[in-house]
Amino acid sequence: MRVSKIFKTSKRVIIFGLDGVGTALREASAPNMKALLENGVLTYTATTVYPPISAQGWTSILYGVPPEKHKISNMSLMDHNARVAATYPSFFKVVRQQLPECNLASFGDWKELNSGLIEASCQCHLGTLNHPATDQLGKAVANHITQHDPTITLVYFEEPDHVGHQHNYGSHLHHESIRKCDDQIGIVVNALTDADMLNDSLMIFCTDHGGAYRIHASDLPRDMIVFWGACGPGVAPGGKFKSCKQWILQQWSSMHSAWKSLVFGMRKFHKVCLDSVLLTNLSFGDIESDK
């Protein structure tokens, strides 16, 4: 099944973004995510954008362009005027322009992500919680999705990055922060199951960077190599990534086309090379996984 068809068979897309996880999901206790991704695709060898810093990474995820194009940094994002100068739309805006009546939502405890990166014109429900809010996210997201059924929901967890900076990336406490996020994801999944909404929900799991000791920003693998996964309608269980590098930027550039595919019913994607493999021709069932 081609990637575009995935979006034609899903009623909603839920993106779980865990800041600063890198590949630590592999070692962490995360039974909910790992059970979901056993029925989907998962890689621990994706490569993020450079520099591997939160503002640059999440802006690339939302806008589908590299930092040298969007020019957003942690400092400029604090300004709250940076978004005004940006010339690229977020995927929320792409969907809003084509589905003016749909519901959109973004939840998290990094207010700059919601207020600085998501355009006001998107009329996106912004569930911005006071940091730290990991323990509150599951219930808030579950209630909103089951009551309002957004076409796209972004769920952002800041805690793993915060703990990594305080107690070292890859440490026991860092792994524990990932488990706490996983508990909240379990609350959302249980609510979707109870509302008979799980089987037609496409779920995407991603992060922006890794880290070592208490820092990240280098071009070393410990900062640049990250996990990425997806499950839901059209995602073949045990699918495999042919390439050992799958750039987040390229994934999300293609996602922008996928949102257009969703709303226009288009079957043609922009041709984005993925280590010499055209994503237009990429089938989840053909991709090699490294679970």
C-alpha atoms as a PDB file:
ATOM      1  CA  MET A   1       0.000   0.000   0.000  1.00  0.00           C
ATOM      2  CA  ARG A   2       1.406   3.390  -0.965  1.00  0.00           C
ATOM      3  CA  VAL A   3       1.905   6.031   1.675  1.00  0.00           C
ATOM      4  CA  SER A   4      -0.819   8.253   0.204  1.00  0.00           C
ATOM      5  CA  LYS A   5      -3.380   5.496   0.697  1.00  0.00           C
ATOM      6  CA  ILE A   6      -2.613   5.403   4.405  1.00  0.00           C
ATOM      7  CA  PHE A   7      -4.109   8.849   4.754  1.00  0.00           C
ATOM      8  CA  LYS A   8      -7.149   7.884   2.702  1.00  0.00           C
ATOM      9  CA  THR A   9      -7.993   5.104   5.161  1.00  0.00           C
ATOM     10  CA  SER A  10      -7.408   7.065   8.379  1.00  0.00           C
ATOM     11  CA  LYS A  11     -10.013   9.284   9.985  1.00  0.00           C
ATOM     12  CA  ARG A  12      -7.498  11.064  12.183  1.00  0.00           C
ATOM     13  CA  VAL A  13      -3.745  11.470  12.666  1.00  0.00           C
ATOM     14  CA  ILE A  14      -2.188  11.640  16.141  1.00  0.00           C
ATOM     15  CA  ILE A  15       1.467  12.670  16.380  1.00  0.00           C
ATOM     16  CA  PHE A  16       3.239  11.882  19.629  1.00  0.00           C
ATOM     17  CA  GLY A  17       6.388  14.004  19.864  1.00  0.00           C
ATOM     18  CA  LEU A  18       8.845  13.178  22.650  1.00  0.00           C
ATOM     19  CA  ASP A  19      11.573  15.792  23.024  1.00  0.00           C
ATOM     20  CA  GLY A  20      15.164  14.665  23.480  1.00  0.00           C
ATOM     21  CA  VAL A  21      14.635  10.908  23.293  1.00  0.00           C
ATOM     22  CA  GLY A  22      17.095  10.070  20.511  1.00  0.00           C
ATOM     23  CA  THR A  23      17.248   6.274  20.471  1.00  0.00           C
ATOM     24  CA  ALA A  24      16.711   5.856  24.235  1.00  0.00           C
ATOM     25  CA  LEU A  25      13.263   4.416  23.553  1.00  0.00           C
ATOM     26  CA  ARG A  26      15.054   1.146  22.782  1.00  0.00           C
ATOM     27  CA  GLU A  27      16.330   0.750  26.357  1.00  0.00           C
ATOM     28  CA  ALA A  28      13.419   2.427  28.166  1.00  0.00           C
ATOM     29  CA  SER A  29      10.360   0.668  29.523  1.00  0.00           C
ATOM     30  CA  ALA A  30       7.626   1.831  27.156  1.00  0.00           C
ATOM     31  CA  PRO A  31       5.152  -1.051  26.807  1.00  0.00           C
ATOM     32  CA  ASN A  32       2.388   1.006  25.191  1.00  0.00           C
ATOM     33  CA  MET A  33       4.486   2.515  22.417  1.00  0.00           C
ATOM     34  CA  LYS A  34       6.360  -0.700  21.771  1.00  0.00           C
ATOM     35  CA  ALA A  35       3.152  -2.754  21.608  1.00  0.00           C
ATOM     36  CA  LEU A  36       1.648  -0.299  19.130  1.00  0.00           C
ATOM     37  CA  LEU A  37       4.765  -0.250  16.983  1.00  0.00           C
ATOM     38  CA  GLU A  38       4.982  -4.044  16.952  1.00  0.00           C
ATOM     39  CA  ASN A  39       1.972  -3.669  14.660  1.00  0.00           C
ATOM     40  CA  GLY A  40       3.579  -0.903  12.631  1.00  0.00           C
ATOM     41  CA  VAL A  41       7.036   0.294  11.640  1.00  0.00           C
ATOM     42  CA  LEU A  42       9.881   1.416  13.872  1.00  0.00           C
ATOM     43  CA  THR A  43      13.472   2.450  13.279  1.00  0.00           C
ATOM     44  CA  TYR A  44      16.236   3.470  15.659  1.00  0.00           C
ATOM     45  CA  THR A  45      18.453   4.750  12.857  1.00  0.00           C
ATOM     46  CA  ALA A  46      16.632   7.845  11.625  1.00  0.00           C
ATOM     47  CA  THR A  47      18.687  11.028  11.337  1.00  0.00           C
ATOM     48  CA  THR A  48      17.459  14.397  12.529  1.00  0.00           C
ATOM     49  CA  VAL A  49      18.240  17.839  11.110  1.00  0.00           C
ATOM     50  CA  TYR A  50      21.353  19.814  12.025  1.00  0.00           C
ATOM     51  CA  PRO A  51      21.805  21.410  14.452  1.00  0.00           C
ATOM     52  CA  PRO A  52      20.036  18.870  16.680  1.00  0.00           C
ATOM     53  CA  ILE A  53      18.368  21.470  18.892  1.00  0.00           C
ATOM     54  CA  SER A  54      14.708  21.560  19.925  1.00  0.00           C
ATOM     55  CA  ALA A  55      13.533  24.726  18.152  1.00  0.00           C
ATOM     56  CA  GLN A  56      15.284  23.825  14.921  1.00  0.00           C
ATOM     57  CA  GLY A  57      14.059  20.231  15.051  1.00  0.00           C
ATOM     58  CA  TRP A  58      10.407  20.835  15.882  1.00  0.00           C
ATOM     59  CA  THR A  59      10.155  23.683  13.382  1.00  0.00           C
ATOM     60  CA  SER A  60      11.466  21.341  10.690  1.00  0.00           C
ATOM     61  CA  ILE A  61       8.923  18.727  11.773  1.00  0.00           C
ATOM     62  CA  LEU A  62       6.033  21.187  11.612  1.00  0.00           C
ATOM     63  CA  TYR A  63       7.148  23.072   8.476  1.00  0.00           C
ATOM     64  CA  GLY A  64       8.928  20.339   6.518  1.00  0.00           C
ATOM     65  CA  VAL A  65      12.005  22.451   5.711  1.00  0.00           C
ATOM     66  CA  PRO A  66      15.555  22.496   7.167  1.00  0.00           C
ATOM     67  CA  PRO A  67      16.822  25.058   9.687  1.00  0.00           C
ATOM     68  CA  GLU A  68      18.728  26.973   7.021  1.00  0.00           C
ATOM     69  CA  LYS A  69      15.377  27.724   5.398  1.00  0.00           C
ATOM     70  CA  HIS A  70      13.045  28.313   8.343  1.00  0.00           C
ATOM     71  CA  LYS A  71      15.791  30.089  10.356  1.00  0.00           C
ATOM     72  CA  ILE A  72      14.040  29.465  13.681  1.00  0.00           C
ATOM     73  CA  SER A  73      16.218  28.947  16.767  1.00  0.00           C
ATOM     74  CA  ASN A  74      15.526  28.672  20.484  1.00  0.00           C
ATOM     75  CA  MET A  75      16.287  32.372  20.871  1.00  0.00           C
ATOM     76  CA  SER A  76      14.151  33.583  17.963  1.00  0.00           C
ATOM     77  CA  LEU A  77      11.271  31.337  18.998  1.00  0.00           C
ATOM     78  CA  MET A  78      11.174  33.071  22.379  1.00  0.00           C
ATOM     79  CA  ASP A  79      10.546  36.306  20.509  1.00  0.00           C
ATOM     80  CA  HIS A  80       7.060  35.198  19.422  1.00  0.00           C
ATOM     81  CA  ASN A  81       7.488  37.335  16.294  1.00  0.00           C
ATOM     82  CA  ALA A  82       9.645  34.779  14.508  1.00  0.00           C
ATOM     83  CA  ARG A  83       6.633  32.944  13.159  1.00  0.00           C
ATOM     84  CA  VAL A  84       5.388  36.126  11.476  1.00  0.00           C
ATOM     85  CA  ALA A  85       8.531  36.265   9.373  1.00  0.00           C
ATOM     86  CA  ALA A  86       8.419  32.601   8.373  1.00  0.00           C
ATOM     87  CA  THR A  87       7.458  31.954   4.767  1.00  0.00           C
ATOM     88  CA  TYR A  88       6.626  28.254   5.097  1.00  0.00           C
ATOM     89  CA  PRO A  89       3.285  26.903   6.337  1.00  0.00           C
ATOM     90  CA  SER A  90       2.966  24.372   9.112  1.00  0.00           C
ATOM     91  CA  PHE A  91       1.170  21.135   8.268  1.00  0.00           C
ATOM     92  CA  PHE A  92      -1.681  22.457  10.417  1.00  0.00           C
ATOM     93  CA  LYS A  93      -2.058  25.388   8.026  1.00  0.00           C
ATOM     94  CA  VAL A  94      -1.903  23.110   4.977  1.00  0.00           C
ATOM     95  CA  VAL A  95      -4.835  21.125   6.320  1.00  0.00           C
ATOM     96  CA  ARG A  96      -6.793  24.165   7.527  1.00  0.00           C
ATOM     97  CA  GLN A  97      -6.609  25.799   4.095  1.00  0.00           C
ATOM     98  CA  GLN A  98      -8.101  22.744   2.452  1.00  0.00           C
ATOM     99  CA  LEU A  99     -10.421  21.534   5.206  1.00  0.00           C
ATOM    100  CA  PRO A 100     -11.756  24.778   6.695  1.00  0.00           C
ATOM    101  CA  GLU A 101     -14.333  22.974   8.848  1.00  0.00           C
ATOM    102  CA  CYS A 102     -12.032  20.381  10.397  1.00  0.00           C
ATOM    103  CA  ASN A 103     -10.881  20.323  14.016  1.00  0.00           C
ATOM    104  CA  LEU A 104      -7.173  20.626  14.796  1.00  0.00           C
ATOM    105  CA  ALA A 105      -5.418  20.327  18.148  1.00  0.00           C
ATOM    106  CA  SER A 106      -1.975  20.629  19.710  1.00  0.00           C
ATOM    107  CA  PHE A 107      -1.183  19.744  23.330  1.00  0.00           C
ATOM    108  CA  GLY A 108       2.009  20.169  25.300  1.00  0.00           C
ATOM    109  CA  ASP A 109       3.905  22.039  27.982  1.00  0.00           C
ATOM    110  CA  TRP A 110       6.282  24.077  25.804  1.00  0.00           C
ATOM    111  CA  LYS A 111       4.220  27.186  25.179  1.00  0.00           C
ATOM    112  CA  GLU A 112       6.583  28.505  22.490  1.00  0.00           C
ATOM    113  CA  LEU A 113       5.792  25.522  20.294  1.00  0.00           C
ATOM    114  CA  ASN A 114       2.071  26.240  20.346  1.00  0.00           C
ATOM    115  CA  SER A 115       2.182  30.037  20.366  1.00  0.00           C
ATOM    116  CA  GLY A 116       5.322  30.463  18.271  1.00  0.00           C
ATOM    117  CA  LEU A 117       5.054  27.804  15.566  1.00  0.00           C
ATOM    118  CA  ILE A 118       1.356  27.174  14.938  1.00  0.00           C
ATOM    119  CA  GLU A 119      -0.249  29.994  12.988  1.00  0.00           C
ATOM    120  CA  ALA A 120      -3.206  31.773  14.597  1.00  0.00           C
ATOM    121  CA  SER A 121      -5.041  31.455  11.281  1.00  0.00           C
ATOM    122  CA  CYS A 122      -5.083  27.669  11.770  1.00  0.00           C
ATOM    123  CA  GLN A 123      -7.698  28.085  14.506  1.00  0.00           C
ATOM    124  CA  CYS A 124      -6.028  25.127  16.179  1.00  0.00           C
ATOM    125  CA  HIS A 125      -7.087  24.188  19.698  1.00  0.00           C
ATOM    126  CA  LEU A 126      -3.998  24.861  21.805  1.00  0.00           C
ATOM    127  CA  GLY A 127      -3.865  22.783  24.949  1.00  0.00           C
ATOM    128  CA  THR A 128      -0.853  24.526  26.462  1.00  0.00           C
ATOM    129  CA  LEU A 129      -0.227  23.207  29.981  1.00  0.00           C
ATOM    130  CA  ASN A 130       2.137  24.568  32.602  1.00  0.00           C
ATOM    131  CA  HIS A 131       5.475  22.741  32.777  1.00  0.00           C
ATOM    132  CA  PRO A 132       5.883  20.065  33.999  1.00  0.00           C
ATOM    133  CA  ALA A 133       2.651  18.614  32.651  1.00  0.00           C
ATOM    134  CA  THR A 134       3.457  15.061  31.580  1.00  0.00           C
ATOM    135  CA  ASP A 135       1.056  13.571  34.121  1.00  0.00           C
ATOM    136  CA  GLN A 136      -1.787  15.757  32.842  1.00  0.00           C
ATOM    137  CA  LEU A 137      -1.402  15.255  29.107  1.00  0.00           C
ATOM    138  CA  GLY A 138      -2.988  11.823  28.707  1.00  0.00           C
ATOM    139  CA  LYS A 139      -6.345  12.735  30.207  1.00  0.00           C
ATOM    140  CA  ALA A 140      -6.467  16.144  28.502  1.00  0.00           C
ATOM    141  CA  VAL A 141      -5.704  14.676  25.071  1.00  0.00           C
ATOM    142  CA  ALA A 142      -8.017  11.684  25.504  1.00  0.00           C
ATOM    143  CA  ASN A 143     -10.953  13.884  26.509  1.00  0.00           C
ATOM    144  CA  HIS A 144     -10.429  16.280  23.617  1.00  0.00           C
ATOM    145  CA  ILE A 145     -10.039  13.621  20.928  1.00  0.00           C
ATOM    146  CA  THR A 146     -13.041  11.581  22.030  1.00  0.00           C
ATOM    147  CA  GLN A 147     -15.223  14.701  22.312  1.00  0.00           C
ATOM    148  CA  HIS A 148     -14.074  16.733  19.278  1.00  0.00           C
ATOM    149  CA  ASP A 149     -12.352  14.187  17.000  1.00  0.00           C
ATOM    150  CA  PRO A 150      -9.630  16.447  15.517  1.00  0.00           C
ATOM    151  CA  THR A 151      -8.324  15.536  12.078  1.00  0.00           C
ATOM    152  CA  ILE A 152      -4.787  16.080  13.389  1.00  0.00           C
ATOM    153  CA  THR A 153      -3.595  16.150  16.984  1.00  0.00           C
ATOM    154  CA  LEU A 154      -0.024  16.899  18.026  1.00  0.00           C
ATOM    155  CA  VAL A 155       0.928  15.712  21.520  1.00  0.00           C
ATOM    156  CA  TYR A 156       4.261  17.120  22.689  1.00  0.00           C
ATOM    157  CA  PHE A 157       6.162  15.787  25.727  1.00  0.00           C
ATOM    158  CA  GLU A 158       8.948  18.060  26.998  1.00  0.00           C
ATOM    159  CA  GLU A 159      10.002  16.025  30.044  1.00  0.00           C
ATOM    160  CA  PRO A 160      12.583  13.650  28.489  1.00  0.00           C
ATOM    161  CA  ASP A 161      14.662  16.597  27.272  1.00  0.00           C
ATOM    162  CA  HIS A 162      14.322  18.412  30.574  1.00  0.00           C
ATOM    163  CA  VAL A 163      15.457  15.333  32.508  1.00  0.00           C
ATOM    164  CA  GLY A 164      18.298  14.700  30.058  1.00  0.00           C
ATOM    165  CA  HIS A 165      19.667  18.190  30.661  1.00  0.00           C
ATOM    166  CA  GLN A 166      19.442  17.699  34.415  1.00  0.00           C
ATOM    167  CA  HIS A 167      20.452  14.060  34.885  1.00  0.00           C
ATOM    168  CA  ASN A 168      22.149  12.915  31.640  1.00  0.00           C
ATOM    169  CA  TYR A 169      20.628  11.554  28.452  1.00  0.00           C
ATOM    170  CA  GLY A 170      20.362   7.777  28.550  1.00  0.00           C
ATOM    171  CA  SER A 171      20.413   7.690  32.350  1.00  0.00           C
ATOM    172  CA  HIS A 172      17.956   5.766  34.510  1.00  0.00           C
ATOM    173  CA  LEU A 173      16.008   8.951  35.196  1.00  0.00           C
ATOM    174  CA  HIS A 174      15.938   9.776  31.474  1.00  0.00           C
ATOM    175  CA  HIS A 175      14.492   6.331  30.769  1.00  0.00           C
ATOM    176  CA  GLU A 176      11.999   6.847  33.578  1.00  0.00           C
ATOM    177  CA  SER A 177      10.807  10.082  31.961  1.00  0.00           C
ATOM    178  CA  ILE A 178      10.138   8.153  28.746  1.00  0.00           C
ATOM    179  CA  ARG A 179       8.133   5.603  30.727  1.00  0.00           C
ATOM    180  CA  LYS A 180       6.029   8.429  32.170  1.00  0.00           C
ATOM    181  CA  CYS A 181       5.279   9.662  28.650  1.00  0.00           C
ATOM    182  CA  ASP A 182       4.405   6.109  27.661  1.00  0.00           C
ATOM    183  CA  ASP A 183       1.925   5.893  30.545  1.00  0.00           C
ATOM    184  CA  GLN A 184       0.148   8.981  29.200  1.00  0.00           C
ATOM    185  CA  ILE A 185       0.109   7.574  25.678  1.00  0.00           C
ATOM    186  CA  GLY A 186      -1.522   4.476  27.170  1.00  0.00           C
ATOM    187  CA  ILE A 187      -4.311   6.646  28.591  1.00  0.00           C
ATOM    188  CA  VAL A 188      -4.966   8.082  25.120  1.00  0.00           C
ATOM    189  CA  VAL A 189      -4.914   4.644  23.493  1.00  0.00           C
ATOM    190  CA  ASN A 190      -7.324   3.212  26.067  1.00  0.00           C
ATOM    191  CA  ALA A 191      -9.718   6.106  25.485  1.00  0.00           C
ATOM    192  CA  LEU A 192      -9.535   5.596  21.715  1.00  0.00           C
ATOM    193  CA  THR A 193     -10.216   1.897  22.191  1.00  0.00           C
ATOM    194  CA  ASP A 194     -13.231   2.555  24.429  1.00  0.00           C
ATOM    195  CA  ALA A 195     -14.606   5.060  21.890  1.00  0.00           C
ATOM    196  CA  ASP A 196     -14.048   2.628  18.977  1.00  0.00           C
ATOM    197  CA  MET A 197     -11.623   5.118  17.404  1.00  0.00           C
ATOM    198  CA  LEU A 198      -8.322   3.253  17.600  1.00  0.00           C
ATOM    199  CA  ASN A 199      -8.523   1.179  14.432  1.00  0.00           C
ATOM    200  CA  ASP A 200      -8.968   4.177  12.142  1.00  0.00           C
ATOM    201  CA  SER A 201      -6.320   6.348  13.816  1.00  0.00           C
ATOM    202  CA  LEU A 202      -2.896   6.770  12.230  1.00  0.00           C
ATOM    203  CA  MET A 203      -0.323   7.333  14.986  1.00  0.00           C
ATOM    204  CA  ILE A 204       3.162   8.714  14.407  1.00  0.00           C
ATOM    205  CA  PHE A 205       5.923   8.703  17.042  1.00  0.00           C
ATOM    206  CA  CYS A 206       8.950  10.949  16.708  1.00  0.00           C
ATOM    207  CA  THR A 207      11.618  12.971  18.466  1.00  0.00           C
ATOM    208  CA  ASP A 208      13.841  15.908  17.579  1.00  0.00           C
ATOM    209  CA  HIS A 209      17.315  14.923  18.814  1.00  0.00           C
ATOM    210  CA  GLY A 210      19.316  12.683  21.103  1.00  0.00           C
ATOM    211  CA  GLY A 211      22.028  13.686  23.522  1.00  0.00           C
ATOM    212  CA  ALA A 212      24.859  12.583  25.792  1.00  0.00           C
ATOM    213  CA  TYR A 213      25.778  13.577  29.299  1.00  0.00           C
ATOM    214  CA  ARG A 214      23.649  16.724  29.708  1.00  0.00           C
ATOM    215  CA  ILE A 215      24.058  18.301  26.298  1.00  0.00           C
ATOM    216  CA  HIS A 216      23.161  17.994  22.616  1.00  0.00           C
ATOM    217  CA  ALA A 217      24.008  20.131  19.585  1.00  0.00           C
ATOM    218  CA  SER A 218      26.824  18.298  17.807  1.00  0.00           C
ATOM    219  CA  ASP A 219      26.860  16.354  14.570  1.00  0.00           C
ATOM    220  CA  LEU A 220      27.844  13.193  16.448  1.00  0.00           C
ATOM    221  CA  PRO A 221      25.547  10.145  16.157  1.00  0.00           C
ATOM    222  CA  ARG A 222      24.598  10.372  19.851  1.00  0.00           C
ATOM    223  CA  ASP A 223      22.875  13.693  19.054  1.00  0.00           C
ATOM    224  CA  MET A 224      21.775  13.085  15.455  1.00  0.00           C
ATOM    225  CA  ILE A 225      20.444   9.508  15.410  1.00  0.00           C
ATOM    226  CA  VAL A 226      16.839   9.157  16.563  1.00  0.00           C
ATOM    227  CA  PHE A 227      13.903   6.762  16.570  1.00  0.00           C
ATOM    228  CA  TRP A 228      10.826   7.109  14.334  1.00  0.00           C
ATOM    229  CA  GLY A 229       7.693   4.951  14.163  1.00  0.00           C
ATOM    230  CA  ALA A 230       4.162   4.762  12.844  1.00  0.00           C
ATOM    231  CA  CYS A 231       1.165   2.474  13.154  1.00  0.00           C
ATOM    232  CA  GLY A 232      -2.434   2.455  12.030  1.00  0.00           C
ATOM    233  CA  PRO A 233      -4.463   1.989   8.862  1.00  0.00           C
ATOM    234  CA  GLY A 234      -2.317   1.059   5.890  1.00  0.00           C
ATOM    235  CA  VAL A 235       0.899   0.591   7.877  1.00  0.00           C
ATOM    236  CA  ALA A 236       1.983  -3.005   7.374  1.00  0.00           C
ATOM    237  CA  PRO A 237       3.064  -4.685  10.643  1.00  0.00           C
ATOM    238  CA  GLY A 238       6.765  -5.424  10.633  1.00  0.00           C
ATOM    239  CA  GLY A 239       7.378  -3.122   7.704  1.00  0.00           C
ATOM    240  CA  LYS A 240      11.026  -2.447   7.015  1.00  0.00           C
ATOM    241  CA  PHE A 241      13.148   0.598   6.300  1.00  0.00           C
ATOM    242  CA  LYS A 242      15.476  -0.090   3.408  1.00  0.00           C
ATOM    243  CA  SER A 243      17.761   2.737   4.437  1.00  0.00           C
ATOM    244  CA  CYS A 244      19.681   3.089   7.685  1.00  0.00           C
ATOM    245  CA  LYS A 245      19.093   6.850   7.472  1.00  0.00           C
ATOM    246  CA  GLN A 246      15.648   8.328   7.229  1.00  0.00           C
ATOM    247  CA  TRP A 247      15.764  12.087   7.545  1.00  0.00           C
ATOM    248  CA  ILE A 248      13.036  13.634   9.673  1.00  0.00           C
ATOM    249  CA  LEU A 249      13.057  16.579   7.294  1.00  0.00           C
ATOM    250  CA  GLN A 250      12.331  14.328   4.342  1.00  0.00           C
ATOM    251  CA  GLN A 251       9.676  12.414   6.224  1.00  0.00           C
ATOM    252  CA  TRP A 252       7.868  15.603   7.066  1.00  0.00           C
ATOM    253  CA  SER A 253       8.315  17.250   3.690  1.00  0.00           C
ATOM    254  CA  SER A 254       6.508  14.191   2.439  1.00  0.00           C
ATOM    255  CA  MET A 255       3.957  14.492   5.223  1.00  0.00           C
ATOM    256  CA  HIS A 256       3.103  17.945   3.909  1.00  0.00           C
ATOM    257  CA  SER A 257       2.320  16.311   0.598  1.00  0.00           C
ATOM    258  CA  ALA A 258       0.431  13.626   2.490  1.00  0.00           C
ATOM    259  CA  TRP A 259      -1.806  16.203   4.143  1.00  0.00           C
ATOM    260  CA  LYS A 260      -2.546  17.543   0.666  1.00  0.00           C
ATOM    261  CA  SER A 261      -3.186  13.987  -0.451  1.00  0.00           C
ATOM    262  CA  LEU A 262      -5.594  13.574   2.445  1.00  0.00           C
ATOM    263  CA  VAL A 263      -7.642  16.666   1.660  1.00  0.00           C
ATOM    264  CA  PHE A 264      -7.481  16.610  -2.127  1.00  0.00           C
ATOM    265  CA  GLY A 265      -7.748  12.859  -2.551  1.00  0.00           C
ATOM    266  CA  MET A 266      -4.501  13.071  -4.531  1.00  0.00           C
ATOM    267  CA  ARG A 267      -2.361   9.986  -5.005  1.00  0.00           C
ATOM    268  CA  LYS A 268       0.781  11.712  -6.208  1.00  0.00           C
ATOM    269  CA  PHE A 269       3.496  12.832  -3.790  1.00  0.00           C
ATOM    270  CA  HIS A 270       6.340  15.273  -4.264  1.00  0.00           C
ATOM    271  CA  LYS A 271       9.398  13.301  -5.254  1.00  0.00           C
ATOM    272  CA  VAL A 272      11.621  13.363  -2.189  1.00  0.00           C
ATOM    273  CA  CYS A 273      14.751  11.233  -2.266  1.00  0.00           C
ATOM    274  CA  LEU A 274      15.388   9.025   0.720  1.00  0.00           C
ATOM    275  CA  ASP A 275      18.930   7.745   0.273  1.00  0.00           C
ATOM    276  CA  SER A 276      18.256   7.235  -3.445  1.00  0.00           C
ATOM    277  CA  VAL A 277      14.790   5.808  -2.773  1.00  0.00           C
ATOM    278  CA  LEU A 278      11.875   7.938  -3.953  1.00  0.00           C
ATOM    279  CA  LEU A 279       9.298   8.222  -1.209  1.00  0.00           C
ATOM    280  CA  THR A 280       6.711   8.410  -3.967  1.00  0.00           C
ATOM    281  CA  ASN A 281       7.438   4.754  -4.596  1.00  0.00           C
ATOM    282  CA  LEU A 282       7.995   3.754  -0.992  1.00  0.00           C
ATOM    283  CA  SER A 283       5.632   1.213   0.494  1.00  0.00           C
ATOM    284  CA  PHE A 284       5.476   0.708   4.256  1.00  0.00           C
ATOM    285  CA  GLY A 285       5.205  -2.998   3.582  1.00  0.00           C
ATOM    286  CA  ASP A 286       8.542  -2.891   1.780  1.00  0.00           C
ATOM    287  CA  ILE A 287      10.470  -0.886   4.332  1.00  0.00           C
ATOM    288  CA  GLU A 288      12.930  -2.650   6.561  1.00  0.00           C
ATOM    289  CA  SER A 289      12.456  -2.232  10.339  1.00  0.00           C
ATOM    290  CA  ASP A 290      15.074  -2.442  13.027  1.00  0.00           C
ATOM    291  CA  LYS A 291      12.857  -3.107  16.050  1.00  0.00           C
END
